């Protein structure tokens, strides 16, 4: 593929979950941009429109509270986080999935689910390379965050 726009090549792995508990799978896609672009990221939360529009998604990133204005500040310096992965997981065992976003060379962040089609709060939880963060669920039904530290 030939393109002069590096943004077209910077999407990372999509993650699926049902953050709004409507029974339809939603998608979150992170974006990792080269340092020199100086533009905001376009990581996105895409909500499945559900009944009558199955398989069609709408961008609810800003309305859900996880847009670049909250999680991804304008990227104008090299002192920014590069987001490479995400996970929808019910961290507090309330039946609603939270969103963990992992960063490469920066802070991973957590959004708590408000149970009103919104994710709330920006919490810096780790400063580790994303390749070292793994998530599993253990036997007590609470997710365990497994970190590989050299």
C-alpha atoms as a PDB file:
ATOM      1  CA  UNK A   1       0.000   0.000   0.000  1.00  0.00           C
ATOM      2  CA  UNK A   2       1.344   3.420  -0.929  1.00  0.00           C
ATOM      3  CA  UNK A   3       0.238   6.471   1.009  1.00  0.00           C
ATOM      4  CA  UNK A   4       1.751   9.755   2.065  1.00  0.00           C
ATOM      5  CA  UNK A   5      -0.570   9.994   5.082  1.00  0.00           C
ATOM      6  CA  UNK A   6       0.993   7.998   7.934  1.00  0.00           C
ATOM      7  CA  UNK A   7      -2.283   8.270   9.886  1.00  0.00           C
ATOM      8  CA  UNK A   8      -3.832   5.693   7.540  1.00  0.00           C
ATOM      9  CA  UNK A   9      -1.260   3.153   8.718  1.00  0.00           C
ATOM     10  CA  UNK A  10      -1.352   3.782  12.460  1.00  0.00           C
ATOM     11  CA  UNK A  11      -4.447   1.883  13.627  1.00  0.00           C
ATOM     12  CA  UNK A  12      -3.776  -0.837  16.166  1.00  0.00           C
ATOM     13  CA  UNK A  13      -5.650  -3.973  17.227  1.00  0.00           C
ATOM     14  CA  UNK A  14      -9.396  -3.532  17.719  1.00  0.00           C
ATOM     15  CA  UNK A  15     -10.979  -4.843  20.908  1.00  0.00           C
ATOM     16  CA  UNK A  16     -14.592  -5.885  21.309  1.00  0.00           C
ATOM     17  CA  UNK A  17     -16.915  -5.690  24.295  1.00  0.00           C
ATOM     18  CA  UNK A  18     -20.427  -4.595  25.216  1.00  0.00           C
ATOM     19  CA  UNK A  19     -19.814  -1.413  27.196  1.00  0.00           C
ATOM     20  CA  UNK A  20     -23.463  -0.286  27.101  1.00  0.00           C
ATOM     21  CA  UNK A  21     -25.016  -3.696  27.953  1.00  0.00           C
ATOM     22  CA  UNK A  22     -27.395  -3.686  24.974  1.00  0.00           C
ATOM     23  CA  UNK A  23     -26.435  -7.208  23.900  1.00  0.00           C
ATOM     24  CA  UNK A  24     -24.488  -6.072  20.837  1.00  0.00           C
ATOM     25  CA  UNK A  25     -20.712  -6.087  20.533  1.00  0.00           C
ATOM     26  CA  UNK A  26     -19.028  -2.654  20.449  1.00  0.00           C
ATOM     27  CA  UNK A  27     -15.494  -1.959  19.174  1.00  0.00           C
ATOM     28  CA  UNK A  28     -12.609   0.118  20.535  1.00  0.00           C
ATOM     29  CA  UNK A  29      -9.597   0.790  18.295  1.00  0.00           C
ATOM     30  CA  UNK A  30      -6.426   2.495  19.519  1.00  0.00           C
ATOM     31  CA  UNK A  31      -4.130   4.548  17.326  1.00  0.00           C
ATOM     32  CA  UNK A  32      -0.362   4.785  17.522  1.00  0.00           C
ATOM     33  CA  UNK A  33       1.035   7.790  15.689  1.00  0.00           C
ATOM     34  CA  UNK A  34       4.607   8.637  14.750  1.00  0.00           C
ATOM     35  CA  UNK A  35       6.047  11.334  17.036  1.00  0.00           C
ATOM     36  CA  UNK A  36       6.366  13.994  14.375  1.00  0.00           C
ATOM     37  CA  UNK A  37       2.761  14.392  13.260  1.00  0.00           C
ATOM     38  CA  UNK A  38       1.649  16.718  16.054  1.00  0.00           C
ATOM     39  CA  UNK A  39      -2.044  15.897  15.591  1.00  0.00           C
ATOM     40  CA  UNK A  40      -4.594  14.441  18.022  1.00  0.00           C
ATOM     41  CA  UNK A  41      -5.082  10.695  17.936  1.00  0.00           C
ATOM     42  CA  UNK A  42      -8.189   9.225  16.464  1.00  0.00           C
ATOM     43  CA  UNK A  43      -8.588   6.230  18.766  1.00  0.00           C
ATOM     44  CA  UNK A  44     -12.286   5.412  18.624  1.00  0.00           C
ATOM     45  CA  UNK A  45     -15.130   3.787  20.534  1.00  0.00           C
ATOM     46  CA  UNK A  46     -17.633   2.454  17.992  1.00  0.00           C
ATOM     47  CA  UNK A  47     -21.067   1.503  19.339  1.00  0.00           C
ATOM     48  CA  UNK A  48     -23.031  -1.226  17.586  1.00  0.00           C
ATOM     49  CA  UNK A  49     -26.357   0.307  16.534  1.00  0.00           C
ATOM     50  CA  UNK A  50     -28.122  -2.971  17.330  1.00  0.00           C
ATOM     51  CA  UNK A  51     -31.700  -3.861  16.415  1.00  0.00           C
ATOM     52  CA  UNK A  52     -32.574  -2.733  12.910  1.00  0.00           C
ATOM     53  CA  UNK A  53     -28.970  -1.833  12.128  1.00  0.00           C
ATOM     54  CA  UNK A  54     -26.954  -4.882  13.173  1.00  0.00           C
ATOM     55  CA  UNK A  55     -23.367  -4.692  12.030  1.00  0.00           C
ATOM     56  CA  UNK A  56     -23.483  -0.904  11.700  1.00  0.00           C
ATOM     57  CA  UNK A  57     -21.506   1.185  14.144  1.00  0.00           C
ATOM     58  CA  UNK A  58     -21.600   4.811  15.243  1.00  0.00           C
ATOM     59  CA  UNK A  59     -18.686   6.778  16.647  1.00  0.00           C
ATOM     60  CA  UNK A  60     -19.543   7.570  20.288  1.00  0.00           C
ATOM     61  CA  UNK A  61     -16.001   8.374  21.396  1.00  0.00           C
ATOM     62  CA  UNK A  62     -16.672  11.900  22.631  1.00  0.00           C
ATOM     63  CA  UNK A  63     -20.198  11.274  23.960  1.00  0.00           C
ATOM     64  CA  UNK A  64     -19.010   8.254  25.932  1.00  0.00           C
ATOM     65  CA  UNK A  65     -16.248  10.318  27.543  1.00  0.00           C
ATOM     66  CA  UNK A  66     -13.210   8.580  26.094  1.00  0.00           C
ATOM     67  CA  UNK A  67     -12.250  10.942  23.275  1.00  0.00           C
ATOM     68  CA  UNK A  68      -8.924  12.605  22.813  1.00  0.00           C
ATOM     69  CA  UNK A  69     -10.139  15.602  24.830  1.00  0.00           C
ATOM     70  CA  UNK A  70     -10.218  13.399  27.943  1.00  0.00           C
ATOM     71  CA  UNK A  71      -7.907  10.465  27.312  1.00  0.00           C
ATOM     72  CA  UNK A  72      -5.826  11.709  24.416  1.00  0.00           C
ATOM     73  CA  UNK A  73      -4.711  15.329  24.804  1.00  0.00           C
ATOM     74  CA  UNK A  74      -3.565  17.127  21.690  1.00  0.00           C
ATOM     75  CA  UNK A  75      -0.332  15.563  20.593  1.00  0.00           C
ATOM     76  CA  UNK A  76       2.084  18.401  20.010  1.00  0.00           C
ATOM     77  CA  UNK A  77       5.273  17.121  21.623  1.00  0.00           C
ATOM     78  CA  UNK A  78       7.210  13.914  21.869  1.00  0.00           C
ATOM     79  CA  UNK A  79       6.172  13.718  25.534  1.00  0.00           C
ATOM     80  CA  UNK A  80       2.952  11.876  24.766  1.00  0.00           C
ATOM     81  CA  UNK A  81       1.564   8.403  25.190  1.00  0.00           C
ATOM     82  CA  UNK A  82       1.219   6.045  22.236  1.00  0.00           C
ATOM     83  CA  UNK A  83      -1.810   3.780  22.630  1.00  0.00           C
ATOM     84  CA  UNK A  84      -1.398   0.223  21.388  1.00  0.00           C
ATOM     85  CA  UNK A  85      -4.051  -1.927  23.020  1.00  0.00           C
ATOM     86  CA  UNK A  86      -7.259  -2.000  24.997  1.00  0.00           C
ATOM     87  CA  UNK A  87      -9.403  -4.382  26.986  1.00  0.00           C
ATOM     88  CA  UNK A  88     -13.078  -4.353  27.941  1.00  0.00           C
ATOM     89  CA  UNK A  89     -13.190  -6.036  31.356  1.00  0.00           C
ATOM     90  CA  UNK A  90     -15.492  -5.842  34.369  1.00  0.00           C
ATOM     91  CA  UNK A  91     -12.847  -4.794  36.894  1.00  0.00           C
ATOM     92  CA  UNK A  92     -15.236  -4.045  39.770  1.00  0.00           C
ATOM     93  CA  UNK A  93     -17.547  -7.049  39.229  1.00  0.00           C
ATOM     94  CA  UNK A  94     -20.701  -4.931  38.828  1.00  0.00           C
ATOM     95  CA  UNK A  95     -21.690  -6.511  35.501  1.00  0.00           C
ATOM     96  CA  UNK A  96     -20.543  -3.527  33.404  1.00  0.00           C
ATOM     97  CA  UNK A  97     -17.313  -3.551  31.409  1.00  0.00           C
ATOM     98  CA  UNK A  98     -14.627  -0.967  32.079  1.00  0.00           C
ATOM     99  CA  UNK A  99     -12.087   0.045  29.426  1.00  0.00           C
ATOM    100  CA  UNK A 100      -8.350  -0.344  30.004  1.00  0.00           C
ATOM    101  CA  UNK A 101      -6.162   1.342  27.385  1.00  0.00           C
ATOM    102  CA  UNK A 102      -2.489   0.368  27.327  1.00  0.00           C
ATOM    103  CA  UNK A 103       0.250   2.710  26.182  1.00  0.00           C
ATOM    104  CA  UNK A 104       3.606   2.181  24.571  1.00  0.00           C
ATOM    105  CA  UNK A 105       6.222   4.373  26.296  1.00  0.00           C
ATOM    106  CA  UNK A 106       3.642   6.104  28.463  1.00  0.00           C
ATOM    107  CA  UNK A 107       0.813   5.769  30.950  1.00  0.00           C
ATOM    108  CA  UNK A 108      -1.879   3.136  30.587  1.00  0.00           C
ATOM    109  CA  UNK A 109      -5.305   4.491  31.530  1.00  0.00           C
ATOM    110  CA  UNK A 110      -8.597   3.182  32.892  1.00  0.00           C
ATOM    111  CA  UNK A 111     -12.171   4.302  32.230  1.00  0.00           C
ATOM    112  CA  UNK A 112     -14.816   3.173  34.739  1.00  0.00           C
ATOM    113  CA  UNK A 113     -18.243   2.371  33.343  1.00  0.00           C
ATOM    114  CA  UNK A 114     -20.972   4.681  34.713  1.00  0.00           C
ATOM    115  CA  UNK A 115     -23.744   2.308  33.546  1.00  0.00           C
ATOM    116  CA  UNK A 116     -25.247   5.156  31.498  1.00  0.00           C
ATOM    117  CA  UNK A 117     -23.558   4.555  28.124  1.00  0.00           C
ATOM    118  CA  UNK A 118     -20.546   6.462  29.410  1.00  0.00           C
ATOM    119  CA  UNK A 119     -17.062   5.669  30.609  1.00  0.00           C
ATOM    120  CA  UNK A 120     -15.847   7.991  33.356  1.00  0.00           C
ATOM    121  CA  UNK A 121     -12.511   9.015  34.725  1.00  0.00           C
ATOM    122  CA  UNK A 122      -8.997   9.035  33.468  1.00  0.00           C
ATOM    123  CA  UNK A 123      -6.693   7.170  35.773  1.00  0.00           C
ATOM    124  CA  UNK A 124      -3.017   6.737  35.114  1.00  0.00           C
ATOM    125  CA  UNK A 125      -2.421   3.276  36.444  1.00  0.00           C
ATOM    126  CA  UNK A 126       0.884   2.093  35.046  1.00  0.00           C
ATOM    127  CA  UNK A 127       3.989   3.408  33.392  1.00  0.00           C
ATOM    128  CA  UNK A 128       5.139   0.295  31.600  1.00  0.00           C
ATOM    129  CA  UNK A 129       5.587  -0.699  28.004  1.00  0.00           C
ATOM    130  CA  UNK A 130       2.324  -2.140  26.700  1.00  0.00           C
ATOM    131  CA  UNK A 131       3.956  -5.398  25.684  1.00  0.00           C
ATOM    132  CA  UNK A 132       4.504  -6.110  29.379  1.00  0.00           C
ATOM    133  CA  UNK A 133       0.874  -5.720  30.446  1.00  0.00           C
ATOM    134  CA  UNK A 134      -1.345  -8.798  30.279  1.00  0.00           C
ATOM    135  CA  UNK A 135      -4.870  -9.324  31.578  1.00  0.00           C
ATOM    136  CA  UNK A 136      -6.381 -12.570  32.827  1.00  0.00           C
ATOM    137  CA  UNK A 137      -9.330 -13.534  34.994  1.00  0.00           C
ATOM    138  CA  UNK A 138      -8.645 -15.696  38.013  1.00  0.00           C
ATOM    139  CA  UNK A 139     -10.893 -18.074  39.956  1.00  0.00           C
ATOM    140  CA  UNK A 140     -12.564 -15.505  42.239  1.00  0.00           C
ATOM    141  CA  UNK A 141     -14.320 -13.777  39.294  1.00  0.00           C
ATOM    142  CA  UNK A 142     -12.261 -10.606  39.668  1.00  0.00           C
ATOM    143  CA  UNK A 143      -9.838  -9.821  36.846  1.00  0.00           C
ATOM    144  CA  UNK A 144      -6.184  -9.852  37.709  1.00  0.00           C
ATOM    145  CA  UNK A 145      -3.801  -7.512  35.944  1.00  0.00           C
ATOM    146  CA  UNK A 146      -0.612  -9.438  35.283  1.00  0.00           C
ATOM    147  CA  UNK A 147       2.531  -7.362  34.741  1.00  0.00           C
ATOM    148  CA  UNK A 148       5.779  -8.782  33.400  1.00  0.00           C
ATOM    149  CA  UNK A 149       8.596  -6.782  34.991  1.00  0.00           C
ATOM    150  CA  UNK A 150      12.180  -7.693  34.055  1.00  0.00           C
END
